Amino acid sequence: VIIFFSIFGVVHAQGVTASQDEAVQLIFWNVENLFDTEDDSLTNDEEFLPYSMRGWNRGRYQKKLFSIYKTLIGAGQWKFPEIIALAEIENEKVLRDLIEQTPLLRAGYEIIHQDSEDRRGIDLAVLYRPERLQIIDTSFIKLNFPDDAYAKSRDIIYLKAQGKEGHDFHLFVNHWPSRYGGGKASEKRRNFAASVVRATVDSLLLADPEASIIITGDFNDTPEDLSLKLLAGRDSTLQIISNRDFSGTHKYQGIWSHFDHVWVSKPLLQGNIWYIKNQQAEVFHPDWLLETDKAFGGVKPSRTYEGFRYHGGYSDHLPVFLELNVKPNALAGKEN
C-alpha cells in the first residue's frame, strides 16, 4: 500500500498524543545527506548549495524534511517515537528545522548532537522526547585511527537513558567508516571502530553484568564481516536482533546488504528488566521508500539523488526500528 503524503497525513500526526504505556520506540535511519542550503566554510558542503552541480535549494530541502518526518512517523506506527537516531545530518540547524518546521514540533523533541571532524561535515544525532525519557549521561566518542592521524570520521554517540519507571538502558549510535576504495582496503578502520565500541561495552558490563545495552547504526559492514564479529565478542555478549524480515537496508549494483542493524546485550534478550518486543528489530520498508530497480530487477531504496541528478526520493538506506518495553514485574517491583 502506498501512502501519499498529504494534509491529511499532517493532521493525523498532529492528533497523536503521548502514549501512556511504558513502551519506548527507537528508530535509526541514515537519511542520506541532509544538508541545509548555506555554505559552511569549515566543511566540504559545496555539493549541496543552490548553485552547485546538484542544485540543492530551499524547495528540495523542505521536501526532504517532510519526507523524513513522514517516514519517522510511519516507522513509529503513526506515533511520535521516543528516540530517533539519525546519520548523515549536517549540523544542528537541520535538526532544528526538522523538529520545528514539521509536525514533529508537537512531540517536543530535544537534540543530542555535536559537530564531528568528518571532512564532509556529516554527523550523527539523537532526538528524544524528554517527557518520556530522562538522559542521564551523554558522550561523543572520537575515532582516532592509529594508522592515520589525519583520517577523520563521525563521532560515536553514547547515551544512558532512564525510562519513566526508573530503569536505565545504554545506547550507542554509529556510522562507521565507508567502503570508499573497496571493502577490504577500508575494513581496518571499521575494525578499529568496532574495537572502540567493544571496549566501552566491556567497561559497562564489568560494572553491571545485567546492563541493558543497544548498539545501532550504519556499520558499512554486514554481520558476516570481521568488524561485527569483533563487536559481538568471543562470548557473543552482544547479539544481532535485526535483518530477519527484509532483503537488506542498502542496495548497490543490484546486491542488497544489511549495513544498518541493531545489536543488544543478553539481558535484553532474557527480558530481566527491559525487553525487546518480539526479540527483534525490523527494517521499515513501505512502498513509498522503494522503487523499481530498472537496471538489476526487483526494488531498491528511492534516493534523493541518483549521482548528481535530483531524483526526489528519500534515502539510499532503509530505517531500522524496535520497541523497548519493561517487564511487568519490574514495574510492579518499582511501584512497591
C-alpha atoms as a PDB file:
ATOM      1  CA  VAL A   1       0.000   0.000   0.000  1.00  0.00           C
ATOM      2  CA  ILE A   2       1.407   3.373  -0.975  1.00  0.00           C
ATOM      3  CA  ILE A   3       0.583   6.164   1.477  1.00  0.00           C
ATOM      4  CA  PHE A   4       0.832   9.546  -0.172  1.00  0.00           C
ATOM      5  CA  PHE A   5       1.912  12.472   1.957  1.00  0.00           C
ATOM      6  CA  SER A   6      -0.926  14.971   2.227  1.00  0.00           C
ATOM      7  CA  ILE A   7      -2.552  17.478   4.511  1.00  0.00           C
ATOM      8  CA  PHE A   8      -4.448  14.513   5.968  1.00  0.00           C
ATOM      9  CA  GLY A   9      -1.114  12.965   6.927  1.00  0.00           C
ATOM     10  CA  VAL A  10      -0.099  16.116   8.781  1.00  0.00           C
ATOM     11  CA  VAL A  11      -3.412  16.423  10.618  1.00  0.00           C
ATOM     12  CA  HIS A  12      -3.335  12.741  11.551  1.00  0.00           C
ATOM     13  CA  ALA A  13       0.106  13.021  13.112  1.00  0.00           C
ATOM     14  CA  GLN A  14      -0.761  16.248  14.908  1.00  0.00           C
ATOM     15  CA  GLY A  15      -3.660  14.473  16.549  1.00  0.00           C
ATOM     16  CA  VAL A  16      -1.414  11.807  18.070  1.00  0.00           C
ATOM     17  CA  THR A  17      -0.957  12.206  21.811  1.00  0.00           C
ATOM     18  CA  ALA A  18       1.753  10.749  24.008  1.00  0.00           C
ATOM     19  CA  SER A  19       1.239   7.092  24.832  1.00  0.00           C
ATOM     20  CA  GLN A  20       0.530   6.323  28.462  1.00  0.00           C
ATOM     21  CA  ASP A  21       2.290   2.960  28.442  1.00  0.00           C
ATOM     22  CA  GLU A  22       5.959   2.359  29.091  1.00  0.00           C
ATOM     23  CA  ALA A  23       6.994   1.358  25.569  1.00  0.00           C
ATOM     24  CA  VAL A  24       9.971   3.133  24.022  1.00  0.00           C
ATOM     25  CA  GLN A  25      10.157   3.168  20.245  1.00  0.00           C
ATOM     26  CA  LEU A  26      13.646   3.576  18.816  1.00  0.00           C
ATOM     27  CA  ILE A  27      14.397   4.268  15.158  1.00  0.00           C
ATOM     28  CA  PHE A  28      17.737   4.549  13.375  1.00  0.00           C
ATOM     29  CA  TRP A  29      17.963   5.938   9.854  1.00  0.00           C
ATOM     30  CA  ASN A  30      20.766   7.074   7.572  1.00  0.00           C
ATOM     31  CA  VAL A  31      18.821   9.853   5.834  1.00  0.00           C
ATOM     32  CA  GLU A  32      21.368  10.379   3.012  1.00  0.00           C
ATOM     33  CA  ASN A  33      22.910  13.838   3.060  1.00  0.00           C
ATOM     34  CA  LEU A  34      20.555  16.077   4.994  1.00  0.00           C
ATOM     35  CA  PHE A  35      22.323  19.363   4.269  1.00  0.00           C
ATOM     36  CA  ASP A  36      20.985  22.868   4.632  1.00  0.00           C
ATOM     37  CA  THR A  37      21.404  25.346   1.763  1.00  0.00           C
ATOM     38  CA  GLU A  38      24.037  27.537   3.417  1.00  0.00           C
ATOM     39  CA  ASP A  39      27.792  27.338   2.881  1.00  0.00           C
ATOM     40  CA  ASP A  40      29.896  26.175   5.815  1.00  0.00           C
ATOM     41  CA  SER A  41      33.479  27.279   5.258  1.00  0.00           C
ATOM     42  CA  LEU A  42      34.786  24.597   7.625  1.00  0.00           C
ATOM     43  CA  THR A  43      33.410  21.588   5.730  1.00  0.00           C
ATOM     44  CA  ASN A  44      33.157  20.268   2.183  1.00  0.00           C
ATOM     45  CA  ASP A  45      29.469  21.012   1.733  1.00  0.00           C
ATOM     46  CA  GLU A  46      29.790  22.724  -1.663  1.00  0.00           C
ATOM     47  CA  GLU A  47      27.843  19.951  -3.433  1.00  0.00           C
ATOM     48  CA  PHE A  48      24.718  20.906  -1.510  1.00  0.00           C
ATOM     49  CA  LEU A  49      24.342  24.575  -2.311  1.00  0.00           C
ATOM     50  CA  PRO A  50      21.852  26.332  -4.615  1.00  0.00           C
ATOM     51  CA  TYR A  51      24.440  27.000  -7.320  1.00  0.00           C
ATOM     52  CA  SER A  52      26.221  23.644  -7.139  1.00  0.00           C
ATOM     53  CA  MET A  53      26.008  20.841  -9.700  1.00  0.00           C
ATOM     54  CA  ARG A  54      23.310  19.230  -7.561  1.00  0.00           C
ATOM     55  CA  GLY A  55      21.196  22.369  -7.494  1.00  0.00           C
ATOM     56  CA  TRP A  56      20.260  21.869  -3.855  1.00  0.00           C
ATOM     57  CA  ASN A  57      17.728  24.555  -2.945  1.00  0.00           C
ATOM     58  CA  ARG A  58      15.156  25.572  -0.379  1.00  0.00           C
ATOM     59  CA  GLY A  59      12.288  23.702  -2.025  1.00  0.00           C
ATOM     60  CA  ARG A  60      14.209  20.437  -2.245  1.00  0.00           C
ATOM     61  CA  TYR A  61      15.415  20.864   1.318  1.00  0.00           C
ATOM     62  CA  GLN A  62      11.886  21.405   2.639  1.00  0.00           C
ATOM     63  CA  LYS A  63      10.621  18.379   0.733  1.00  0.00           C
ATOM     64  CA  LYS A  64      13.318  16.215   2.286  1.00  0.00           C
ATOM     65  CA  LEU A  65      12.469  17.437   5.790  1.00  0.00           C
ATOM     66  CA  PHE A  66       8.826  16.439   5.321  1.00  0.00           C
ATOM     67  CA  SER A  67       9.828  13.136   3.731  1.00  0.00           C
ATOM     68  CA  ILE A  68      11.924  12.340   6.799  1.00  0.00           C
ATOM     69  CA  TYR A  69       9.061  13.319   9.099  1.00  0.00           C
ATOM     70  CA  LYS A  70       6.607  11.127   7.209  1.00  0.00           C
ATOM     71  CA  THR A  71       8.924   8.120   7.365  1.00  0.00           C
ATOM     72  CA  LEU A  72       9.720   8.509  11.055  1.00  0.00           C
ATOM     73  CA  ILE A  73       6.046   8.724  11.929  1.00  0.00           C
ATOM     74  CA  GLY A  74       5.296   5.730   9.714  1.00  0.00           C
ATOM     75  CA  ALA A  75       8.016   3.633  11.333  1.00  0.00           C
ATOM     76  CA  GLY A  76       6.684   4.746  14.711  1.00  0.00           C
ATOM     77  CA  GLN A  77       3.289   3.270  13.792  1.00  0.00           C
ATOM     78  CA  TRP A  78       1.874   6.787  13.384  1.00  0.00           C
ATOM     79  CA  LYS A  79       3.053   7.863  16.818  1.00  0.00           C
ATOM     80  CA  PHE A  80       5.999  10.042  17.741  1.00  0.00           C
ATOM     81  CA  PRO A  81       8.957   7.725  18.509  1.00  0.00           C
ATOM     82  CA  GLU A  82      10.662   8.244  21.844  1.00  0.00           C
ATOM     83  CA  ILE A  83      14.171   8.053  20.323  1.00  0.00           C
ATOM     84  CA  ILE A  84      15.195   8.930  16.772  1.00  0.00           C
ATOM     85  CA  ALA A  85      18.823   8.290  15.820  1.00  0.00           C
ATOM     86  CA  LEU A  86      19.954   9.811  12.525  1.00  0.00           C
ATOM     87  CA  ALA A  87      23.049   9.540  10.351  1.00  0.00           C
ATOM     88  CA  GLU A  88      24.258  11.901   7.613  1.00  0.00           C
ATOM     89  CA  ILE A  89      22.907  15.128   9.031  1.00  0.00           C
ATOM     90  CA  GLU A  90      24.979  18.259   8.505  1.00  0.00           C
ATOM     91  CA  ASN A  91      24.515  20.257  11.696  1.00  0.00           C
ATOM     92  CA  GLU A  92      22.193  21.303  14.480  1.00  0.00           C
ATOM     93  CA  LYS A  93      20.353  23.686  12.146  1.00  0.00           C
ATOM     94  CA  VAL A  94      18.924  20.861  10.017  1.00  0.00           C
ATOM     95  CA  LEU A  95      17.828  19.107  13.197  1.00  0.00           C
ATOM     96  CA  ARG A  96      16.118  22.273  14.431  1.00  0.00           C
ATOM     97  CA  ASP A  97      14.387  22.665  11.087  1.00  0.00           C
ATOM     98  CA  LEU A  98      13.251  19.034  11.195  1.00  0.00           C
ATOM     99  CA  ILE A  99      11.677  19.281  14.659  1.00  0.00           C
ATOM    100  CA  GLU A 100      10.366  22.846  14.310  1.00  0.00           C
ATOM    101  CA  GLN A 101       9.196  23.080  10.680  1.00  0.00           C
ATOM    102  CA  THR A 102       7.352  19.748  10.504  1.00  0.00           C
ATOM    103  CA  PRO A 103       4.618  18.290  12.752  1.00  0.00           C
ATOM    104  CA  LEU A 104       7.390  16.732  14.856  1.00  0.00           C
ATOM    105  CA  LEU A 105       7.121  20.075  16.654  1.00  0.00           C
ATOM    106  CA  ARG A 106       4.224  18.674  18.676  1.00  0.00           C
ATOM    107  CA  ALA A 107       6.404  15.965  20.220  1.00  0.00           C
ATOM    108  CA  GLY A 108       8.789  18.374  21.969  1.00  0.00           C
ATOM    109  CA  TYR A 109      11.978  16.641  20.865  1.00  0.00           C
ATOM    110  CA  GLU A 110      15.331  17.663  22.281  1.00  0.00           C
ATOM    111  CA  ILE A 111      18.626  17.232  20.434  1.00  0.00           C
ATOM    112  CA  ILE A 112      21.825  15.360  21.213  1.00  0.00           C
ATOM    113  CA  HIS A 113      24.428  16.386  18.657  1.00  0.00           C
ATOM    114  CA  GLN A 114      27.990  17.596  18.346  1.00  0.00           C
ATOM    115  CA  ASP A 115      29.875  18.621  15.217  1.00  0.00           C
ATOM    116  CA  SER A 116      32.365  15.893  14.355  1.00  0.00           C
ATOM    117  CA  GLU A 117      35.603  16.149  12.428  1.00  0.00           C
ATOM    118  CA  ASP A 118      34.183  14.361   9.389  1.00  0.00           C
ATOM    119  CA  ARG A 119      35.510  16.267   6.370  1.00  0.00           C
ATOM    120  CA  ARG A 120      32.160  16.289   4.577  1.00  0.00           C
ATOM    121  CA  GLY A 121      30.535  17.690   7.673  1.00  0.00           C
ATOM    122  CA  ILE A 122      28.058  14.847   8.190  1.00  0.00           C
ATOM    123  CA  ASP A 123      27.307  13.790  11.731  1.00  0.00           C
ATOM    124  CA  LEU A 124      25.146  11.578  13.897  1.00  0.00           C
ATOM    125  CA  ALA A 125      22.382  12.880  16.114  1.00  0.00           C
ATOM    126  CA  VAL A 126      19.737  11.680  18.537  1.00  0.00           C
ATOM    127  CA  LEU A 127      16.319  13.244  19.043  1.00  0.00           C
ATOM    128  CA  TYR A 128      14.430  12.236  22.177  1.00  0.00           C
ATOM    129  CA  ARG A 129      11.223  13.100  23.990  1.00  0.00           C
ATOM    130  CA  PRO A 130      12.073  14.399  27.493  1.00  0.00           C
ATOM    131  CA  GLU A 131       8.524  13.793  28.718  1.00  0.00           C
ATOM    132  CA  ARG A 132       9.117  10.082  28.120  1.00  0.00           C
ATOM    133  CA  LEU A 133      12.843   9.676  28.818  1.00  0.00           C
ATOM    134  CA  GLN A 134      15.486  11.211  31.022  1.00  0.00           C
ATOM    135  CA  ILE A 135      19.042  11.348  29.675  1.00  0.00           C
ATOM    136  CA  ILE A 136      21.463  10.522  32.478  1.00  0.00           C
ATOM    137  CA  ASP A 137      24.744  10.694  30.584  1.00  0.00           C
ATOM    138  CA  THR A 138      25.967  11.560  27.085  1.00  0.00           C
ATOM    139  CA  SER A 139      29.361  11.391  25.417  1.00  0.00           C
ATOM    140  CA  PHE A 140      30.785  11.604  21.906  1.00  0.00           C
ATOM    141  CA  ILE A 141      33.447   9.007  21.182  1.00  0.00           C
ATOM    142  CA  LYS A 142      36.053  10.072  18.636  1.00  0.00           C
ATOM    143  CA  LEU A 143      37.776   7.576  16.378  1.00  0.00           C
ATOM    144  CA  ASN A 144      41.500   8.345  16.409  1.00  0.00           C
ATOM    145  CA  PHE A 145      42.803   5.856  13.864  1.00  0.00           C
ATOM    146  CA  PRO A 146      46.244   4.518  14.786  1.00  0.00           C
ATOM    147  CA  ASP A 147      47.258   4.065  11.139  1.00  0.00           C
ATOM    148  CA  ASP A 148      46.459   7.639  10.051  1.00  0.00           C
ATOM    149  CA  ALA A 149      46.260  10.605  12.392  1.00  0.00           C
ATOM    150  CA  TYR A 150      44.727  12.726   9.611  1.00  0.00           C
ATOM    151  CA  ALA A 151      41.825  10.370   8.891  1.00  0.00           C
ATOM    152  CA  LYS A 152      38.560  11.684  10.264  1.00  0.00           C
ATOM    153  CA  SER A 153      35.204  10.050  10.827  1.00  0.00           C
ATOM    154  CA  ARG A 154      31.905  10.548  12.584  1.00  0.00           C
ATOM    155  CA  ASP A 155      31.874  10.504  16.377  1.00  0.00           C
ATOM    156  CA  ILE A 156      30.007   7.628  18.003  1.00  0.00           C
ATOM    157  CA  ILE A 157      27.190   8.843  20.265  1.00  0.00           C
ATOM    158  CA  TYR A 158      26.796   7.170  23.627  1.00  0.00           C
ATOM    159  CA  LEU A 159      23.941   7.897  25.986  1.00  0.00           C
ATOM    160  CA  LYS A 160      22.477   6.457  29.144  1.00  0.00           C
ATOM    161  CA  ALA A 161      18.733   6.924  29.378  1.00  0.00           C
ATOM    162  CA  GLN A 162      16.146   6.283  32.038  1.00  0.00           C
ATOM    163  CA  GLY A 163      12.522   5.453  31.360  1.00  0.00           C
ATOM    164  CA  LYS A 164       9.616   6.883  33.307  1.00  0.00           C
ATOM    165  CA  GLU A 165       9.593   3.808  35.506  1.00  0.00           C
ATOM    166  CA  GLY A 166      13.174   4.486  36.633  1.00  0.00           C
ATOM    167  CA  HIS A 167      15.106   1.745  34.814  1.00  0.00           C
ATOM    168  CA  ASP A 168      18.242   2.573  32.781  1.00  0.00           C
ATOM    169  CA  PHE A 169      19.488   1.469  29.386  1.00  0.00           C
ATOM    170  CA  HIS A 170      22.532   2.345  27.290  1.00  0.00           C
ATOM    171  CA  LEU A 171      22.536   3.323  23.621  1.00  0.00           C
ATOM    172  CA  PHE A 172      25.370   3.614  21.098  1.00  0.00           C
ATOM    173  CA  VAL A 173      24.711   5.223  17.704  1.00  0.00           C
ATOM    174  CA  ASN A 174      27.261   4.554  14.947  1.00  0.00           C
ATOM    175  CA  HIS A 175      28.169   5.484  11.407  1.00  0.00           C
ATOM    176  CA  TRP A 176      31.378   3.613  10.766  1.00  0.00           C
ATOM    177  CA  PRO A 177      33.914   4.496   8.019  1.00  0.00           C
ATOM    178  CA  SER A 178      32.674   3.966   4.483  1.00  0.00           C
ATOM    179  CA  ARG A 179      33.766   1.370   1.956  1.00  0.00           C
ATOM    180  CA  TYR A 180      35.211   4.041  -0.288  1.00  0.00           C
ATOM    181  CA  GLY A 181      38.205   2.497  -2.050  1.00  0.00           C
ATOM    182  CA  GLY A 182      36.858  -1.022  -1.536  1.00  0.00           C
ATOM    183  CA  GLY A 183      35.607  -3.118   1.353  1.00  0.00           C
ATOM    184  CA  LYS A 184      38.920  -4.872   2.024  1.00  0.00           C
ATOM    185  CA  ALA A 185      41.031  -1.733   1.719  1.00  0.00           C
ATOM    186  CA  SER A 186      38.894   0.141   4.236  1.00  0.00           C
ATOM    187  CA  GLU A 187      37.993  -2.654   6.648  1.00  0.00           C
ATOM    188  CA  LYS A 188      40.750  -1.942   9.187  1.00  0.00           C
ATOM    189  CA  ARG A 189      39.080   1.341  10.111  1.00  0.00           C
ATOM    190  CA  ARG A 190      35.733  -0.326  10.700  1.00  0.00           C
ATOM    191  CA  ASN A 191      37.535  -3.000  12.708  1.00  0.00           C
ATOM    192  CA  PHE A 192      39.056  -0.223  14.803  1.00  0.00           C
ATOM    193  CA  ALA A 193      35.636   1.376  15.321  1.00  0.00           C
ATOM    194  CA  ALA A 194      34.331  -1.997  16.490  1.00  0.00           C
ATOM    195  CA  SER A 195      37.167  -2.353  18.986  1.00  0.00           C
ATOM    196  CA  VAL A 196      36.450   1.106  20.421  1.00  0.00           C
ATOM    197  CA  VAL A 197      32.753   0.353  20.947  1.00  0.00           C
ATOM    198  CA  ARG A 198      33.515  -3.120  22.274  1.00  0.00           C
ATOM    199  CA  ALA A 199      35.929  -1.711  24.871  1.00  0.00           C
ATOM    200  CA  THR A 200      33.290   0.699  26.133  1.00  0.00           C
ATOM    201  CA  VAL A 201      30.682  -2.082  26.245  1.00  0.00           C
ATOM    202  CA  ASP A 202      33.078  -4.273  28.236  1.00  0.00           C
ATOM    203  CA  SER A 203      33.508  -1.467  30.769  1.00  0.00           C
ATOM    204  CA  LEU A 204      29.735  -1.168  31.173  1.00  0.00           C
ATOM    205  CA  LEU A 205      29.291  -4.925  31.574  1.00  0.00           C
ATOM    206  CA  LEU A 206      32.142  -5.107  34.070  1.00  0.00           C
ATOM    207  CA  ALA A 207      30.383  -2.516  36.216  1.00  0.00           C
ATOM    208  CA  ASP A 208      26.959  -4.123  35.695  1.00  0.00           C
ATOM    209  CA  PRO A 209      26.701  -7.574  34.072  1.00  0.00           C
ATOM    210  CA  GLU A 210      22.931  -7.046  33.740  1.00  0.00           C
ATOM    211  CA  ALA A 211      23.260  -3.779  31.802  1.00  0.00           C
ATOM    212  CA  SER A 212      20.721  -3.259  29.022  1.00  0.00           C
ATOM    213  CA  ILE A 213      22.764  -2.143  26.002  1.00  0.00           C
ATOM    214  CA  ILE A 214      21.583  -1.282  22.494  1.00  0.00           C
ATOM    215  CA  ILE A 215      24.015  -0.621  19.632  1.00  0.00           C
ATOM    216  CA  THR A 216      22.635   0.611  16.334  1.00  0.00           C
ATOM    217  CA  GLY A 217      23.749   2.493  13.250  1.00  0.00           C
ATOM    218  CA  ASP A 218      25.099   2.264   9.741  1.00  0.00           C
ATOM    219  CA  PHE A 219      28.095  -0.037  10.158  1.00  0.00           C
ATOM    220  CA  ASN A 220      29.028  -0.206   6.460  1.00  0.00           C
ATOM    221  CA  ASP A 221      29.602  -3.903   7.098  1.00  0.00           C
ATOM    222  CA  THR A 222      27.370  -6.946   7.275  1.00  0.00           C
ATOM    223  CA  PRO A 223      27.160  -9.261  10.306  1.00  0.00           C
ATOM    224  CA  GLU A 224      29.431 -11.690   8.444  1.00  0.00           C
ATOM    225  CA  ASP A 225      32.305  -9.190   8.341  1.00  0.00           C
ATOM    226  CA  LEU A 226      35.137  -9.179  10.866  1.00  0.00           C
ATOM    227  CA  SER A 227      34.199  -5.828  12.402  1.00  0.00           C
ATOM    228  CA  LEU A 228      30.816  -7.097  13.566  1.00  0.00           C
ATOM    229  CA  LYS A 229      32.335 -10.316  14.856  1.00  0.00           C
ATOM    230  CA  LEU A 230      34.705  -8.170  16.913  1.00  0.00           C
ATOM    231  CA  LEU A 231      31.734  -6.194  18.182  1.00  0.00           C
ATOM    232  CA  ALA A 232      29.827  -9.342  19.185  1.00  0.00           C
ATOM    233  CA  GLY A 233      32.788 -10.597  21.184  1.00  0.00           C
ATOM    234  CA  ARG A 234      34.129 -14.120  21.603  1.00  0.00           C
ATOM    235  CA  ASP A 235      31.395 -14.995  24.080  1.00  0.00           C
ATOM    236  CA  SER A 236      28.688 -13.287  21.961  1.00  0.00           C
ATOM    237  CA  THR A 237      27.697 -10.974  24.804  1.00  0.00           C
ATOM    238  CA  LEU A 238      26.188  -8.815  22.066  1.00  0.00           C
ATOM    239  CA  GLN A 239      23.750 -10.367  19.616  1.00  0.00           C
ATOM    240  CA  ILE A 240      22.127  -9.032  16.478  1.00  0.00           C
ATOM    241  CA  ILE A 241      18.333  -8.766  16.512  1.00  0.00           C
ATOM    242  CA  SER A 242      17.695  -7.176  13.104  1.00  0.00           C
ATOM    243  CA  ASN A 243      17.886  -8.283   9.456  1.00  0.00           C
ATOM    244  CA  ARG A 244      15.319 -11.084   9.619  1.00  0.00           C
ATOM    245  CA  ASP A 245      12.405  -9.541   7.797  1.00  0.00           C
ATOM    246  CA  PHE A 246      13.691  -7.933   4.572  1.00  0.00           C
ATOM    247  CA  SER A 247      16.375  -8.298   1.905  1.00  0.00           C
ATOM    248  CA  GLY A 248      18.600  -5.552   3.279  1.00  0.00           C
ATOM    249  CA  THR A 249      18.847  -1.884   4.173  1.00  0.00           C
ATOM    250  CA  HIS A 250      21.059  -0.756   1.272  1.00  0.00           C
ATOM    251  CA  LYS A 251      21.378  -1.879  -2.333  1.00  0.00           C
ATOM    252  CA  TYR A 252      24.447  -1.379  -4.512  1.00  0.00           C
ATOM    253  CA  GLN A 253      24.715  -2.605  -8.104  1.00  0.00           C
ATOM    254  CA  GLY A 254      21.820  -4.979  -7.626  1.00  0.00           C
ATOM    255  CA  ILE A 255      23.021  -6.510  -4.351  1.00  0.00           C
ATOM    256  CA  TRP A 256      21.184  -5.949  -1.085  1.00  0.00           C
ATOM    257  CA  SER A 257      23.271  -5.640   2.097  1.00  0.00           C
ATOM    258  CA  HIS A 258      22.361  -5.298   5.752  1.00  0.00           C
ATOM    259  CA  PHE A 259      24.566  -2.350   6.706  1.00  0.00           C
ATOM    260  CA  ASP A 260      22.107  -0.890   9.225  1.00  0.00           C
ATOM    261  CA  HIS A 261      21.297  -3.104  12.169  1.00  0.00           C
ATOM    262  CA  VAL A 262      20.772  -3.425  15.902  1.00  0.00           C
ATOM    263  CA  TRP A 263      22.806  -5.327  18.484  1.00  0.00           C
ATOM    264  CA  VAL A 264      21.807  -5.835  22.109  1.00  0.00           C
ATOM    265  CA  SER A 265      23.256  -7.275  25.295  1.00  0.00           C
ATOM    266  CA  LYS A 266      21.955 -10.639  26.515  1.00  0.00           C
ATOM    267  CA  PRO A 267      19.913  -9.195  29.425  1.00  0.00           C
ATOM    268  CA  LEU A 268      17.675  -7.514  26.846  1.00  0.00           C
ATOM    269  CA  LEU A 269      17.015 -10.862  25.196  1.00  0.00           C
ATOM    270  CA  GLN A 270      16.445 -12.521  28.554  1.00  0.00           C
ATOM    271  CA  GLY A 271      13.992  -9.797  29.498  1.00  0.00           C
ATOM    272  CA  ASN A 272      15.283  -9.326  33.025  1.00  0.00           C
ATOM    273  CA  ILE A 273      14.081  -5.704  33.166  1.00  0.00           C
ATOM    274  CA  TRP A 274      13.906  -4.204  29.682  1.00  0.00           C
ATOM    275  CA  TYR A 275      12.986  -6.451  26.781  1.00  0.00           C
ATOM    276  CA  ILE A 276      12.664  -6.062  23.003  1.00  0.00           C
ATOM    277  CA  LYS A 277       9.213  -6.663  21.548  1.00  0.00           C
ATOM    278  CA  ASN A 278       9.289  -9.947  19.586  1.00  0.00           C
ATOM    279  CA  GLN A 279      13.034 -10.059  20.330  1.00  0.00           C
ATOM    280  CA  GLN A 280      13.776  -8.351  17.029  1.00  0.00           C
ATOM    281  CA  ALA A 281      14.321  -5.056  15.280  1.00  0.00           C
ATOM    282  CA  GLU A 282      12.677  -4.615  11.901  1.00  0.00           C
ATOM    283  CA  VAL A 283      13.593  -2.981   8.626  1.00  0.00           C
ATOM    284  CA  PHE A 284      10.998  -0.371   7.705  1.00  0.00           C
ATOM    285  CA  HIS A 285      10.250  -0.903   4.030  1.00  0.00           C
ATOM    286  CA  PRO A 286       6.920   0.651   2.970  1.00  0.00           C
ATOM    287  CA  ASP A 287       6.258   1.090  -0.731  1.00  0.00           C
ATOM    288  CA  TRP A 288       6.975   4.804  -0.619  1.00  0.00           C
ATOM    289  CA  LEU A 289      10.636   4.209   0.341  1.00  0.00           C
ATOM    290  CA  LEU A 290      11.161   1.825  -2.586  1.00  0.00           C
ATOM    291  CA  GLU A 291      11.091   1.954  -6.369  1.00  0.00           C
ATOM    292  CA  THR A 292      11.620  -0.431  -9.247  1.00  0.00           C
ATOM    293  CA  ASP A 293      15.259  -1.285  -9.878  1.00  0.00           C
ATOM    294  CA  LYS A 294      15.270  -0.962 -13.652  1.00  0.00           C
ATOM    295  CA  ALA A 295      18.915  -1.954 -14.019  1.00  0.00           C
ATOM    296  CA  PHE A 296      19.049  -5.064 -11.821  1.00  0.00           C
ATOM    297  CA  GLY A 297      15.447  -6.044 -11.156  1.00  0.00           C
ATOM    298  CA  GLY A 298      13.358  -6.090  -8.027  1.00  0.00           C
ATOM    299  CA  VAL A 299      13.183  -2.951  -5.944  1.00  0.00           C
ATOM    300  CA  LYS A 300      15.675  -0.571  -4.377  1.00  0.00           C
ATOM    301  CA  PRO A 301      15.558   2.393  -1.981  1.00  0.00           C
ATOM    302  CA  SER A 302      14.311   5.576  -3.628  1.00  0.00           C
ATOM    303  CA  ARG A 303      17.182   8.043  -3.300  1.00  0.00           C
ATOM    304  CA  THR A 304      17.222  11.820  -3.076  1.00  0.00           C
ATOM    305  CA  TYR A 305      19.892  11.914  -5.809  1.00  0.00           C
ATOM    306  CA  GLU A 306      20.990   9.475  -8.482  1.00  0.00           C
ATOM    307  CA  GLY A 307      24.561  10.592  -8.908  1.00  0.00           C
ATOM    308  CA  PHE A 308      24.249  14.366  -9.379  1.00  0.00           C
ATOM    309  CA  ARG A 309      20.725  14.153 -10.791  1.00  0.00           C
ATOM    310  CA  TYR A 310      17.950  15.123  -8.414  1.00  0.00           C
ATOM    311  CA  HIS A 311      15.575  12.199  -8.031  1.00  0.00           C
ATOM    312  CA  GLY A 312      13.347  13.443  -5.233  1.00  0.00           C
ATOM    313  CA  GLY A 313      13.323  10.239  -3.183  1.00  0.00           C
ATOM    314  CA  TYR A 314      14.030   9.621   0.466  1.00  0.00           C
ATOM    315  CA  SER A 315      17.370   7.939   1.127  1.00  0.00           C
ATOM    316  CA  ASP A 316      19.683   5.225  -0.151  1.00  0.00           C
ATOM    317  CA  HIS A 317      19.184   3.410   3.180  1.00  0.00           C
ATOM    318  CA  LEU A 318      16.108   1.964   4.874  1.00  0.00           C
ATOM    319  CA  PRO A 319      15.424   2.610   8.579  1.00  0.00           C
ATOM    320  CA  VAL A 320      15.531   0.004  11.323  1.00  0.00           C
ATOM    321  CA  PHE A 321      13.317   0.198  14.387  1.00  0.00           C
ATOM    322  CA  LEU A 322      12.416  -1.627  17.584  1.00  0.00           C
ATOM    323  CA  GLU A 323      10.113  -1.351  20.565  1.00  0.00           C
ATOM    324  CA  LEU A 324      11.622  -1.470  24.034  1.00  0.00           C
ATOM    325  CA  ASN A 325       9.422  -2.464  26.974  1.00  0.00           C
ATOM    326  CA  VAL A 326       9.759  -3.027  30.703  1.00  0.00           C
ATOM    327  CA  LYS A 327       8.981  -6.423  32.181  1.00  0.00           C
ATOM    328  CA  PRO A 328       5.653  -6.134  34.086  1.00  0.00           C
ATOM    329  CA  ASN A 329       7.001  -7.481  37.369  1.00  0.00           C
ATOM    330  CA  ALA A 330       9.882  -4.992  37.146  1.00  0.00           C
ATOM    331  CA  LEU A 331       7.285  -2.227  37.053  1.00  0.00           C
ATOM    332  CA  ALA A 332       5.413  -3.766  39.971  1.00  0.00           C
ATOM    333  CA  GLY A 333       8.607  -4.003  41.968  1.00  0.00           C
ATOM    334  CA  LYS A 334       9.335  -0.357  41.278  1.00  0.00           C
ATOM    335  CA  GLU A 335       5.889   0.712  42.444  1.00  0.00           C
ATOM    336  CA  ASN A 336       6.180  -1.291  45.619  1.00  0.00           C
END
